Amino acid sequence: MCKRILGKGILAQLYAIDAHPEGMLQVIVTDKDPQFAATMANDIVARLDTLNLQVVTEKKRNIEKLYRRESRQ
């Protein structure tokens, strides 16, 4: 069973993101203009990729700090 993450803001009624138990996100965009919907979906995915990279990078930094502290003791 997936969890639906609804959009916020002015375009909220146009998109939703489903979070699946396996960790996959599914972006759903609906609009009468298919090109606009595709552009919006691609932008959402690009923003999610950026956010994911930031989270992974921060976790990596935290692990490196922990290892440095542990090795000093």
PDB file of N, CA and C in Angstrom:
ATOM      1  N   MET A   1       0.851  -1.176   0.000  1.00  0.00           N
ATOM      2  CA  MET A   1       0.000   0.000   0.000  1.00  0.00           C
ATOM      3  C   MET A   1       0.896   1.238   0.000  1.00  0.00           C
ATOM      4  N   CYS A   2       0.579   2.195  -0.864  1.00  0.00           N
ATOM      5  CA  CYS A   2       1.398   3.398  -0.939  1.00  0.00           C
ATOM      6  C   CYS A   2       0.719   4.555  -0.213  1.00  0.00           C
ATOM      7  N   LYS A   3       1.547   5.531   0.152  1.00  0.00           N
ATOM      8  CA  LYS A   3       1.056   6.720   0.845  1.00  0.00           C
ATOM      9  C   LYS A   3       1.023   7.865  -0.158  1.00  0.00           C
ATOM     10  N   ARG A   4      -0.089   8.551  -0.266  1.00  0.00           N
ATOM     11  CA  ARG A   4      -0.207   9.668  -1.200  1.00  0.00           C
ATOM     12  C   ARG A   4       0.228  10.953  -0.520  1.00  0.00           C
ATOM     13  N   ILE A   5       1.131  11.642  -1.177  1.00  0.00           N
ATOM     14  CA  ILE A   5       1.585  12.949  -0.717  1.00  0.00           C
ATOM     15  C   ILE A   5       0.957  13.963  -1.663  1.00  0.00           C
ATOM     16  N   LEU A   6       0.033  14.745  -1.148  1.00  0.00           N
ATOM     17  CA  LEU A   6      -0.677  15.685  -2.003  1.00  0.00           C
ATOM     18  C   LEU A   6       0.127  16.963  -2.184  1.00  0.00           C
ATOM     19  N   GLY A   7      -0.085  17.590  -3.326  1.00  0.00           N
ATOM     20  CA  GLY A   7       0.609  18.826  -3.636  1.00  0.00           C
ATOM     21  C   GLY A   7       0.139  19.981  -2.766  1.00  0.00           C
ATOM     22  N   LYS A   8       0.936  21.036  -2.745  1.00  0.00           N
ATOM     23  CA  LYS A   8       0.608  22.255  -2.009  1.00  0.00           C
ATOM     24  C   LYS A   8       0.774  23.434  -2.951  1.00  0.00           C
ATOM     25  N   GLY A   9       0.082  24.496  -2.661  1.00  0.00           N
ATOM     26  CA  GLY A   9       0.235  25.708  -3.447  1.00  0.00           C
ATOM     27  C   GLY A   9      -0.768  25.794  -4.580  1.00  0.00           C
ATOM     28  N   ILE A  10      -0.490  26.723  -5.468  1.00  0.00           N
ATOM     29  CA  ILE A  10      -1.414  27.064  -6.550  1.00  0.00           C
ATOM     30  C   ILE A  10      -1.680  25.896  -7.503  1.00  0.00           C
ATOM     31  N   LEU A  11      -0.690  25.035  -7.711  1.00  0.00           N
ATOM     32  CA  LEU A  11      -0.833  23.921  -8.657  1.00  0.00           C
ATOM     33  C   LEU A  11      -1.165  22.605  -7.963  1.00  0.00           C
ATOM     34  N   ALA A  12      -1.568  22.666  -6.714  1.00  0.00           N
ATOM     35  CA  ALA A  12      -1.779  21.461  -5.903  1.00  0.00           C
ATOM     36  C   ALA A  12      -2.778  20.496  -6.517  1.00  0.00           C
ATOM     37  N   GLN A  13      -3.789  21.016  -7.161  1.00  0.00           N
ATOM     38  CA  GLN A  13      -4.809  20.121  -7.721  1.00  0.00           C
ATOM     39  C   GLN A  13      -4.305  19.382  -8.961  1.00  0.00           C
ATOM     40  N   LEU A  14      -3.127  19.747  -9.456  1.00  0.00           N
ATOM     41  CA  LEU A  14      -2.606  19.119 -10.665  1.00  0.00           C
ATOM     42  C   LEU A  14      -1.696  17.926 -10.412  1.00  0.00           C
ATOM     43  N   TYR A  15      -1.169  17.801  -9.184  1.00  0.00           N
ATOM     44  CA  TYR A  15      -0.206  16.718  -8.980  1.00  0.00           C
ATOM     45  C   TYR A  15      -0.339  16.065  -7.611  1.00  0.00           C
ATOM     46  N   ALA A  16       0.205  14.869  -7.554  1.00  0.00           N
ATOM     47  CA  ALA A  16       0.326  14.122  -6.308  1.00  0.00           C
ATOM     48  C   ALA A  16       1.569  13.254  -6.432  1.00  0.00           C
ATOM     49  N   ILE A  17       2.081  12.839  -5.300  1.00  0.00           N
ATOM     50  CA  ILE A  17       3.242  11.947  -5.278  1.00  0.00           C
ATOM     51  C   ILE A  17       2.874  10.762  -4.404  1.00  0.00           C
ATOM     52  N   ASP A  18       3.007   9.564  -4.952  1.00  0.00           N
ATOM     53  CA  ASP A  18       2.749   8.345  -4.193  1.00  0.00           C
ATOM     54  C   ASP A  18       4.074   7.778  -3.696  1.00  0.00           C
ATOM     55  N   ALA A  19       4.148   7.525  -2.400  1.00  0.00           N
ATOM     56  CA  ALA A  19       5.338   6.918  -1.794  1.00  0.00           C
ATOM     57  C   ALA A  19       5.043   5.437  -1.573  1.00  0.00           C
ATOM     58  N   HIS A  20       5.750   4.582  -2.279  1.00  0.00           N
ATOM     59  CA  HIS A  20       5.544   3.140  -2.191  1.00  0.00           C
ATOM     60  C   HIS A  20       6.421   2.552  -1.086  1.00  0.00           C
ATOM     61  N   PRO A  21       5.999   1.440  -0.495  1.00  0.00           N
ATOM     62  CA  PRO A  21       6.754   0.831   0.617  1.00  0.00           C
ATOM     63  C   PRO A  21       8.196   0.469   0.251  1.00  0.00           C
ATOM     64  N   GLU A  22       8.451   0.204  -1.021  1.00  0.00           N
ATOM     65  CA  GLU A  22       9.804  -0.175  -1.453  1.00  0.00           C
ATOM     66  C   GLU A  22      10.744   1.026  -1.492  1.00  0.00           C
ATOM     67  N   GLY A  23      10.215   2.230  -1.228  1.00  0.00           N
ATOM     68  CA  GLY A  23      11.033   3.432  -1.258  1.00  0.00           C
ATOM     69  C   GLY A  23      10.907   4.223  -2.545  1.00  0.00           C
ATOM     70  N   MET A  24      10.137   3.716  -3.481  1.00  0.00           N
ATOM     71  CA  MET A  24       9.967   4.397  -4.755  1.00  0.00           C
ATOM     72  C   MET A  24       8.906   5.495  -4.638  1.00  0.00           C
ATOM     73  N   LEU A  25       9.135   6.615  -5.326  1.00  0.00           N
ATOM     74  CA  LEU A  25       8.146   7.681  -5.406  1.00  0.00           C
ATOM     75  C   LEU A  25       7.578   7.707  -6.818  1.00  0.00           C
ATOM     76  N   GLN A  26       6.267   7.862  -6.922  1.00  0.00           N
ATOM     77  CA  GLN A  26       5.608   7.960  -8.216  1.00  0.00           C
ATOM     78  C   GLN A  26       4.981   9.350  -8.312  1.00  0.00           C
ATOM     79  N   VAL A  27       5.398  10.117  -9.319  1.00  0.00           N
ATOM     80  CA  VAL A  27       4.869  11.460  -9.531  1.00  0.00           C
ATOM     81  C   VAL A  27       3.715  11.366 -10.527  1.00  0.00           C
ATOM     82  N   ILE A  28       2.568  11.930 -10.138  1.00  0.00           N
ATOM     83  CA  ILE A  28       1.375  11.905 -10.988  1.00  0.00           C
ATOM     84  C   ILE A  28       0.969  13.352 -11.259  1.00  0.00           C
ATOM     85  N   VAL A  29       0.983  13.738 -12.534  1.00  0.00           N
ATOM     86  CA  VAL A  29       0.590  15.088 -12.919  1.00  0.00           C
ATOM     87  C   VAL A  29      -0.506  14.978 -13.974  1.00  0.00           C
ATOM     88  N   THR A  30      -1.582  15.717 -13.769  1.00  0.00           N
ATOM     89  CA  THR A  30      -2.669  15.727 -14.746  1.00  0.00           C
ATOM     90  C   THR A  30      -2.976  17.166 -15.141  1.00  0.00           C
ATOM     91  N   ASP A  31      -3.061  17.394 -16.443  1.00  0.00           N
ATOM     92  CA  ASP A  31      -3.424  18.701 -16.981  1.00  0.00           C
ATOM     93  C   ASP A  31      -3.973  18.476 -18.379  1.00  0.00           C
ATOM     94  N   LYS A  32      -4.774  19.417 -18.852  1.00  0.00           N
ATOM     95  CA  LYS A  32      -5.323  19.262 -20.201  1.00  0.00           C
ATOM     96  C   LYS A  32      -4.248  19.427 -21.274  1.00  0.00           C
ATOM     97  N   ASP A  33      -3.137  20.087 -20.930  1.00  0.00           N
ATOM     98  CA  ASP A  33      -2.006  20.236 -21.847  1.00  0.00           C
ATOM     99  C   ASP A  33      -0.950  19.194 -21.498  1.00  0.00           C
ATOM    100  N   PRO A  34      -0.811  18.142 -22.310  1.00  0.00           N
ATOM    101  CA  PRO A  34       0.136  17.065 -21.984  1.00  0.00           C
ATOM    102  C   PRO A  34       1.589  17.547 -21.879  1.00  0.00           C
ATOM    103  N   GLN A  35       1.972  18.531 -22.678  1.00  0.00           N
ATOM    104  CA  GLN A  35       3.340  19.044 -22.628  1.00  0.00           C
ATOM    105  C   GLN A  35       3.601  19.744 -21.295  1.00  0.00           C
ATOM    106  N   PHE A  36       2.615  20.514 -20.821  1.00  0.00           N
ATOM    107  CA  PHE A  36       2.747  21.181 -19.530  1.00  0.00           C
ATOM    108  C   PHE A  36       2.850  20.148 -18.415  1.00  0.00           C
ATOM    109  N   ALA A  37       2.012  19.107 -18.477  1.00  0.00           N
ATOM    110  CA  ALA A  37       2.038  18.051 -17.461  1.00  0.00           C
ATOM    111  C   ALA A  37       3.398  17.356 -17.445  1.00  0.00           C
ATOM    112  N   ALA A  38       3.945  17.073 -18.630  1.00  0.00           N
ATOM    113  CA  ALA A  38       5.253  16.412 -18.707  1.00  0.00           C
ATOM    114  C   ALA A  38       6.358  17.309 -18.155  1.00  0.00           C
ATOM    115  N   THR A  39       6.312  18.590 -18.499  1.00  0.00           N
ATOM    116  CA  THR A  39       7.314  19.540 -18.002  1.00  0.00           C
ATOM    117  C   THR A  39       7.233  19.648 -16.482  1.00  0.00           C
ATOM    118  N   MET A  40       6.013  19.726 -15.958  1.00  0.00           N
ATOM    119  CA  MET A  40       5.824  19.835 -14.515  1.00  0.00           C
ATOM    120  C   MET A  40       6.322  18.569 -13.807  1.00  0.00           C
ATOM    121  N   ALA A  41       5.996  17.401 -14.355  1.00  0.00           N
ATOM    122  CA  ALA A  41       6.447  16.138 -13.761  1.00  0.00           C
ATOM    123  C   ALA A  41       7.973  16.067 -13.752  1.00  0.00           C
ATOM    124  N   ASN A  42       8.593  16.451 -14.848  1.00  0.00           N
ATOM    125  CA  ASN A  42      10.060  16.428 -14.926  1.00  0.00           C
ATOM    126  C   ASN A  42      10.688  17.393 -13.930  1.00  0.00           C
ATOM    127  N   ASP A  43      10.072  18.558 -13.735  1.00  0.00           N
ATOM    128  CA  ASP A  43      10.589  19.526 -12.767  1.00  0.00           C
ATOM    129  C   ASP A  43      10.469  18.988 -11.344  1.00  0.00           C
ATOM    130  N   ILE A  44       9.342  18.361 -11.043  1.00  0.00           N
ATOM    131  CA  ILE A  44       9.155  17.772  -9.708  1.00  0.00           C
ATOM    132  C   ILE A  44      10.203  16.695  -9.453  1.00  0.00           C
ATOM    133  N   VAL A  45      10.437  15.840 -10.435  1.00  0.00           N
ATOM    134  CA  VAL A  45      11.433  14.771 -10.288  1.00  0.00           C
ATOM    135  C   VAL A  45      12.825  15.370 -10.104  1.00  0.00           C
ATOM    136  N   ALA A  46      13.149  16.421 -10.857  1.00  0.00           N
ATOM    137  CA  ALA A  46      14.464  17.062 -10.706  1.00  0.00           C
ATOM    138  C   ALA A  46      14.623  17.638  -9.302  1.00  0.00           C
ATOM    139  N   ARG A  47      13.569  18.251  -8.770  1.00  0.00           N
ATOM    140  CA  ARG A  47      13.636  18.809  -7.417  1.00  0.00           C
ATOM    141  C   ARG A  47      13.761  17.702  -6.372  1.00  0.00           C
ATOM    142  N   LEU A  48      13.056  16.595  -6.583  1.00  0.00           N
ATOM    143  CA  LEU A  48      13.174  15.464  -5.660  1.00  0.00           C
ATOM    144  C   LEU A  48      14.586  14.877  -5.695  1.00  0.00           C
ATOM    145  N   ASP A  49      15.171  14.787  -6.889  1.00  0.00           N
ATOM    146  CA  ASP A  49      16.544  14.286  -7.020  1.00  0.00           C
ATOM    147  C   ASP A  49      17.524  15.182  -6.263  1.00  0.00           C
ATOM    148  N   THR A  50      17.344  16.502  -6.395  1.00  0.00           N
ATOM    149  CA  THR A  50      18.207  17.447  -5.695  1.00  0.00           C
ATOM    150  C   THR A  50      18.070  17.289  -4.182  1.00  0.00           C
ATOM    151  N   LEU A  51      16.840  17.202  -3.726  1.00  0.00           N
ATOM    152  CA  LEU A  51      16.592  17.023  -2.295  1.00  0.00           C
ATOM    153  C   LEU A  51      17.211  15.720  -1.788  1.00  0.00           C
ATOM    154  N   ASN A  52      17.035  14.653  -2.544  1.00  0.00           N
ATOM    155  CA  ASN A  52      17.596  13.363  -2.158  1.00  0.00           C
ATOM    156  C   ASN A  52      19.122  13.432  -2.077  1.00  0.00           C
ATOM    157  N   LEU A  53      19.746  14.081  -3.032  1.00  0.00           N
ATOM    158  CA  LEU A  53      21.200  14.219  -3.021  1.00  0.00           C
ATOM    159  C   LEU A  53      21.652  15.011  -1.799  1.00  0.00           C
ATOM    160  N   GLN A  54      20.923  16.062  -1.440  1.00  0.00           N
ATOM    161  CA  GLN A  54      21.263  16.852  -0.260  1.00  0.00           C
ATOM    162  C   GLN A  54      21.165  16.004   1.013  1.00  0.00           C
ATOM    163  N   VAL A  55      20.123  15.202   1.105  1.00  0.00           N
ATOM    164  CA  VAL A  55      19.935  14.343   2.289  1.00  0.00           C
ATOM    165  C   VAL A  55      21.053  13.310   2.375  1.00  0.00           C
ATOM    166  N   VAL A  56      21.363  12.672   1.264  1.00  0.00           N
ATOM    167  CA  VAL A  56      22.419  11.656   1.249  1.00  0.00           C
ATOM    168  C   VAL A  56      23.767  12.283   1.601  1.00  0.00           C
ATOM    169  N   THR A  57      24.047  13.455   1.052  1.00  0.00           N
ATOM    170  CA  THR A  57      25.307  14.142   1.335  1.00  0.00           C
ATOM    171  C   THR A  57      25.409  14.497   2.809  1.00  0.00           C
ATOM    172  N   GLU A  58      24.332  14.996   3.389  1.00  0.00           N
ATOM    173  CA  GLU A  58      24.335  15.352   4.815  1.00  0.00           C
ATOM    174  C   GLU A  58      24.542  14.116   5.691  1.00  0.00           C
ATOM    175  N   LYS A  59      23.889  13.015   5.343  1.00  0.00           N
ATOM    176  CA  LYS A  59      24.084  11.778   6.110  1.00  0.00           C
ATOM    177  C   LYS A  59      25.534  11.310   6.016  1.00  0.00           C
ATOM    178  N   LYS A  60      26.100  11.418   4.833  1.00  0.00           N
ATOM    179  CA  LYS A  60      27.493  11.014   4.643  1.00  0.00           C
ATOM    180  C   LYS A  60      28.417  11.860   5.516  1.00  0.00           C
ATOM    181  N   ARG A  61      28.182  13.178   5.539  1.00  0.00           N
ATOM    182  CA  ARG A  61      29.003  14.059   6.385  1.00  0.00           C
ATOM    183  C   ARG A  61      28.882  13.678   7.857  1.00  0.00           C
ATOM    184  N   ASN A  62      27.666  13.391   8.291  1.00  0.00           N
ATOM    185  CA  ASN A  62      27.452  13.021   9.691  1.00  0.00           C
ATOM    186  C   ASN A  62      28.169  11.718  10.041  1.00  0.00           C
ATOM    187  N   ILE A  63      28.143  10.762   9.150  1.00  0.00           N
ATOM    188  CA  ILE A  63      28.846   9.492   9.382  1.00  0.00           C
ATOM    189  C   ILE A  63      30.352   9.721   9.436  1.00  0.00           C
ATOM    190  N   GLU A  64      30.870  10.563   8.524  1.00  0.00           N
ATOM    191  CA  GLU A  64      32.303  10.865   8.531  1.00  0.00           C
ATOM    192  C   GLU A  64      32.712  11.553   9.836  1.00  0.00           C
ATOM    193  N   LYS A  65      31.902  12.481  10.330  1.00  0.00           N
ATOM    194  CA  LYS A  65      32.193  13.149  11.605  1.00  0.00           C
ATOM    195  C   LYS A  65      32.210  12.143  12.741  1.00  0.00           C
ATOM    196  N   LEU A  66      31.266  11.227  12.743  1.00  0.00           N
ATOM    197  CA  LEU A  66      31.193  10.201  13.782  1.00  0.00           C
ATOM    198  C   LEU A  66      32.441   9.319  13.752  1.00  0.00           C
ATOM    199  N   TYR A  67      32.861   8.894  12.561  1.00  0.00           N
ATOM    200  CA  TYR A  67      34.068   8.063  12.439  1.00  0.00           C
ATOM    201  C   TYR A  67      35.298   8.813  12.937  1.00  0.00           C
ATOM    202  N   ARG A  68      35.410  10.093  12.614  1.00  0.00           N
ATOM    203  CA  ARG A  68      36.555  10.881  13.071  1.00  0.00           C
ATOM    204  C   ARG A  68      36.583  10.969  14.590  1.00  0.00           C
ATOM    205  N   ARG A  69      35.410  11.220  15.184  1.00  0.00           N
ATOM    206  CA  ARG A  69      35.322  11.289  16.651  1.00  0.00           C
ATOM    207  C   ARG A  69      35.691   9.960  17.283  1.00  0.00           C
ATOM    208  N   GLU A  70      35.172   8.884  16.716  1.00  0.00           N
ATOM    209  CA  GLU A  70      35.428   7.538  17.238  1.00  0.00           C
ATOM    210  C   GLU A  70      36.920   7.184  17.131  1.00  0.00           C
ATOM    211  N   SER A  71      37.559   7.600  16.047  1.00  0.00           N
ATOM    212  CA  SER A  71      38.967   7.239  15.858  1.00  0.00           C
ATOM    213  C   SER A  71      39.891   8.020  16.780  1.00  0.00           C
ATOM    214  N   ARG A  72      39.457   9.166  17.278  1.00  0.00           N
ATOM    215  CA  ARG A  72      40.252   9.967  18.211  1.00  0.00           C
ATOM    216  C   ARG A  72      40.244   9.368  19.612  1.00  0.00           C
ATOM    217  N   GLN A  73      39.258   8.607  19.938  1.00  0.00           N
ATOM    218  CA  GLN A  73      39.118   8.065  21.305  1.00  0.00           C
ATOM    219  C   GLN A  73      39.986   6.859  21.510  1.00  0.00           C
TER     220      GLN A  73
END
